[in-house]
Amino acid sequence: MSDFSTGLCDCFSDCGVCIYVTCCIECAVADNWARSRREDCSLCHLIAFSHPVWTRDNIRMMLGQREKQYAGDCLVYTFCTPCAVCQDARELKNNRNGNNINYRNNNNNSPREQPLLADGDQPPPYQPGVVLQPQQIVQPMPPQPVFIAQPNFDPSAQYQQPPAGYAPPPPPMYPQPVYVAAPPPQE
């Protein structure tokens, strides 16, 4: 079980991180949250400012610690927010290559990182200058229904009278249009 590599009050051990947190703590919190989840920082991370405790939990998980310390993390973030954000940023910066970090999703379960290969297929070897075209999958058309025309069948005759038990259709709401001849052209 490992602890953070730097102390809570070691803010000046990395002056770049200290200045970054001092100038824009919201950006540093969003950046820490995104980096602890191996994501790119986005506007969504800036809007959701309520996650620094979960950031520390993610960092602890990366460091191999299993126990949760939510109460202590809440106290640290309540009374020492800049120092805690600096400590998180330093920890993520020191371990950015994953040397000591046991990432949660390093088992390649993310759909983005999964290769799109069928079972047993191997990816093609890399060949410079060769561009592979995607394969087209052709599926057969399902059988279409067949309609047989009946001789002497008039579909309009079928709907002249309503079936037994049904009311007659309502009268038209508007009168039928009356067509008149166009007026003669004026000279």
Protein backbone atom coordinates (compact mmCIF):
# COMPACT_ATOMS: atom_id res chain seq x y z
CA MET A 1 0.00 0.00 0.00
CA SER A 2 1.56 3.28 -1.09
CA ASP A 3 0.77 6.82 -0.08
CA PHE A 4 1.06 10.06 -2.03
CA SER A 5 4.63 10.70 -3.17
CA THR A 6 4.53 14.30 -1.89
CA GLY A 7 3.08 15.80 1.25
CA LEU A 8 -0.01 17.96 1.53
CA CYS A 9 2.02 21.09 2.34
CA ASP A 10 4.75 20.51 -0.28
CA CYS A 11 3.13 23.00 -2.65
CA PHE A 12 6.44 24.66 -3.57
CA SER A 13 8.15 21.38 -4.49
CA ASP A 14 6.76 21.97 -8.00
CA CYS A 15 6.41 25.70 -8.62
CA GLY A 16 4.73 25.25 -12.01
CA VAL A 17 1.89 23.27 -10.46
CA CYS A 18 1.68 25.73 -7.56
CA ILE A 19 1.33 28.72 -9.90
CA TYR A 20 -1.21 26.87 -12.06
CA VAL A 21 -3.37 26.04 -9.02
CA THR A 22 -3.00 29.55 -7.61
CA CYS A 23 -4.00 31.26 -10.86
CA CYS A 24 -6.89 29.00 -11.83
CA ILE A 25 -7.89 26.47 -9.22
CA GLU A 26 -11.07 25.54 -11.11
CA CYS A 27 -9.02 24.60 -14.18
CA ALA A 28 -6.60 22.59 -12.03
CA VAL A 29 -9.46 20.69 -10.36
CA ALA A 30 -11.02 19.93 -13.75
CA ASP A 31 -7.66 18.88 -15.17
CA ASN A 32 -6.97 16.61 -12.17
CA TRP A 33 -10.41 15.02 -12.49
CA ALA A 34 -9.93 14.33 -16.19
CA ARG A 35 -6.36 13.03 -15.79
CA SER A 36 -7.33 10.76 -12.88
CA ARG A 37 -9.92 9.18 -15.18
CA ARG A 38 -7.56 9.13 -18.20
CA GLU A 39 -9.80 11.53 -20.14
CA ASP A 40 -9.23 14.77 -21.97
CA CYS A 41 -10.19 17.88 -20.04
CA SER A 42 -13.33 19.50 -21.40
CA LEU A 43 -15.91 22.11 -20.53
CA CYS A 44 -17.91 19.45 -18.69
CA HIS A 45 -15.04 19.00 -16.25
CA LEU A 46 -14.96 22.75 -15.59
CA ILE A 47 -18.68 22.91 -14.87
CA ALA A 48 -18.74 20.02 -12.40
CA PHE A 49 -16.69 21.44 -9.52
CA SER A 50 -18.03 18.94 -6.97
CA HIS A 51 -15.69 16.04 -7.65
CA PRO A 52 -12.29 16.65 -5.98
CA VAL A 53 -12.98 13.96 -3.36
CA TRP A 54 -13.57 11.42 -6.13
CA THR A 55 -10.40 12.63 -7.84
CA ARG A 56 -8.41 11.72 -4.73
CA ASP A 57 -10.24 8.39 -4.61
CA ASN A 58 -9.24 7.71 -8.24
CA ILE A 59 -5.62 8.62 -7.46
CA ARG A 60 -5.61 6.31 -4.44
CA MET A 61 -7.02 3.51 -6.60
CA MET A 62 -4.26 4.15 -9.14
CA LEU A 63 -1.70 3.93 -6.35
CA GLY A 64 -3.09 0.58 -5.24
CA GLN A 65 -4.91 1.68 -2.09
CA ARG A 66 -8.21 -0.07 -1.56
CA GLU A 67 -9.67 1.66 1.50
CA LYS A 68 -11.86 4.71 1.06
CA GLN A 69 -11.00 7.88 2.97
CA TYR A 70 -13.93 10.08 2.05
CA ALA A 71 -14.21 11.75 5.47
CA GLY A 72 -10.54 12.72 5.55
CA ASP A 73 -10.63 13.86 1.94
CA CYS A 74 -13.71 16.01 2.64
CA LEU A 75 -11.90 17.66 5.56
CA VAL A 76 -8.75 18.20 3.50
CA TYR A 77 -10.73 19.76 0.67
CA THR A 78 -12.77 21.88 3.07
CA PHE A 79 -9.85 23.43 4.94
CA CYS A 80 -6.85 22.98 2.59
CA THR A 81 -8.32 23.08 -0.91
CA PRO A 82 -5.36 24.68 -2.74
CA CYS A 83 -2.87 22.36 -1.05
CA ALA A 84 -4.96 19.27 -1.83
CA VAL A 85 -5.39 20.30 -5.48
CA CYS A 86 -1.62 20.88 -5.71
CA GLN A 87 -0.92 17.49 -4.16
CA ASP A 88 -3.29 15.76 -6.60
CA ALA A 89 -1.76 17.59 -9.57
CA ARG A 90 1.79 16.73 -8.46
CA GLU A 91 0.86 13.08 -7.99
CA LEU A 92 -0.71 12.90 -11.45
CA LYS A 93 2.25 14.74 -12.98
CA ASN A 94 4.84 12.52 -11.27
CA ASN A 95 3.06 9.36 -12.37
CA ARG A 96 1.79 10.51 -15.78
CA ASN A 97 3.63 7.70 -17.57
CA GLY A 98 1.94 5.10 -15.40
CA ASN A 99 5.18 3.94 -13.75
CA ASN A 100 3.69 3.35 -10.32
CA ILE A 101 0.04 3.63 -11.25
CA ASN A 102 -2.30 0.67 -11.39
CA TYR A 103 -5.02 2.21 -13.57
CA ARG A 104 -8.55 0.86 -13.13
CA ASN A 105 -9.15 0.46 -16.83
CA ASN A 106 -5.79 -0.82 -18.00
CA ASN A 107 -7.36 -4.20 -18.81
CA ASN A 108 -8.56 -2.77 -22.14
CA ASN A 109 -12.28 -2.97 -21.32
CA SER A 110 -12.95 0.43 -22.82
CA PRO A 111 -14.85 0.16 -26.12
CA ARG A 112 -12.61 2.87 -27.60
CA GLU A 113 -9.52 0.75 -27.04
CA GLN A 114 -10.96 -2.57 -28.19
CA PRO A 115 -9.76 -3.76 -31.59
CA LEU A 116 -12.57 -4.40 -34.05
CA LEU A 117 -11.56 -7.95 -34.95
CA ALA A 118 -13.57 -11.14 -35.12
CA ASP A 119 -12.67 -14.00 -32.79
CA GLY A 120 -9.37 -15.55 -33.76
CA ASP A 121 -8.48 -12.83 -36.30
CA GLN A 122 -5.09 -11.19 -36.09
CA PRO A 123 -4.53 -7.58 -37.09
CA PRO A 124 -2.69 -7.17 -40.40
CA PRO A 125 1.02 -6.38 -40.10
CA TYR A 126 1.97 -2.76 -40.58
CA GLN A 127 3.20 -2.00 -44.08
CA PRO A 128 4.24 1.58 -44.88
CA GLY A 129 2.35 3.09 -47.79
CA VAL A 130 -0.38 0.44 -47.80
CA VAL A 131 -3.90 1.68 -47.13
CA LEU A 132 -6.42 -0.98 -46.19
CA GLN A 133 -9.97 -0.50 -47.41
CA PRO A 134 -12.84 -1.46 -45.11
CA GLN A 135 -14.60 -4.66 -46.02
CA GLN A 136 -18.21 -4.43 -47.13
CA ILE A 137 -20.63 -6.81 -45.52
CA VAL A 138 -23.44 -7.74 -47.89
CA GLN A 139 -26.56 -9.15 -46.33
CA PRO A 140 -29.19 -10.92 -48.44
CA MET A 141 -32.53 -9.19 -48.85
CA PRO A 142 -35.36 -10.72 -46.85
CA PRO A 143 -38.13 -12.27 -48.95
CA GLN A 144 -40.68 -9.71 -50.12
CA PRO A 145 -44.44 -10.35 -49.98
CA VAL A 146 -46.13 -11.15 -53.27
CA PHE A 147 -49.49 -9.59 -54.12
CA ILE A 148 -51.69 -11.36 -56.63
CA ALA A 149 -54.10 -9.15 -58.56
CA GLN A 150 -57.67 -10.39 -58.60
CA PRO A 151 -59.57 -10.02 -61.89
CA ASN A 152 -62.51 -7.58 -61.92
CA PHE A 153 -61.57 -6.15 -58.52
CA ASP A 154 -62.43 -2.50 -57.96
CA PRO A 155 -61.07 -1.23 -54.62
CA SER A 156 -63.25 1.90 -54.68
CA ALA A 157 -66.39 -0.26 -54.87
CA GLN A 158 -65.42 -1.92 -51.63
CA TYR A 159 -65.87 1.31 -49.67
CA GLN A 160 -69.16 2.63 -51.06
CA GLN A 161 -71.19 1.62 -48.03
CA PRO A 162 -69.97 1.31 -44.46
CA PRO A 163 -69.86 -2.23 -43.11
CA ALA A 164 -72.78 -3.44 -41.03
CA GLY A 165 -72.77 -2.01 -37.53
CA TYR A 166 -70.76 1.10 -38.43
CA ALA A 167 -72.10 4.62 -38.71
CA PRO A 168 -72.08 6.34 -42.10
CA PRO A 169 -69.20 8.72 -42.77
CA PRO A 170 -69.73 12.33 -41.70
CA PRO A 171 -70.81 14.86 -44.31
CA PRO A 172 -68.05 16.94 -45.88
CA MET A 173 -67.20 20.03 -43.84
CA TYR A 174 -66.63 22.27 -46.83
CA PRO A 175 -68.77 22.49 -49.94
CA GLN A 176 -67.36 21.10 -53.13
CA PRO A 177 -65.47 23.72 -55.13
CA VAL A 178 -67.23 25.35 -58.05
CA TYR A 179 -65.04 25.79 -61.08
CA VAL A 180 -65.68 28.81 -63.27
CA ALA A 181 -64.12 29.90 -66.50
CA ALA A 182 -61.19 32.28 -66.39
CA PRO A 183 -62.04 35.92 -67.11
CA PRO A 184 -61.10 37.21 -70.55
CA PRO A 185 -57.74 38.95 -70.75
CA GLN A 186 -57.87 42.73 -70.47
CA GLU A 187 -56.29 44.89 -73.06
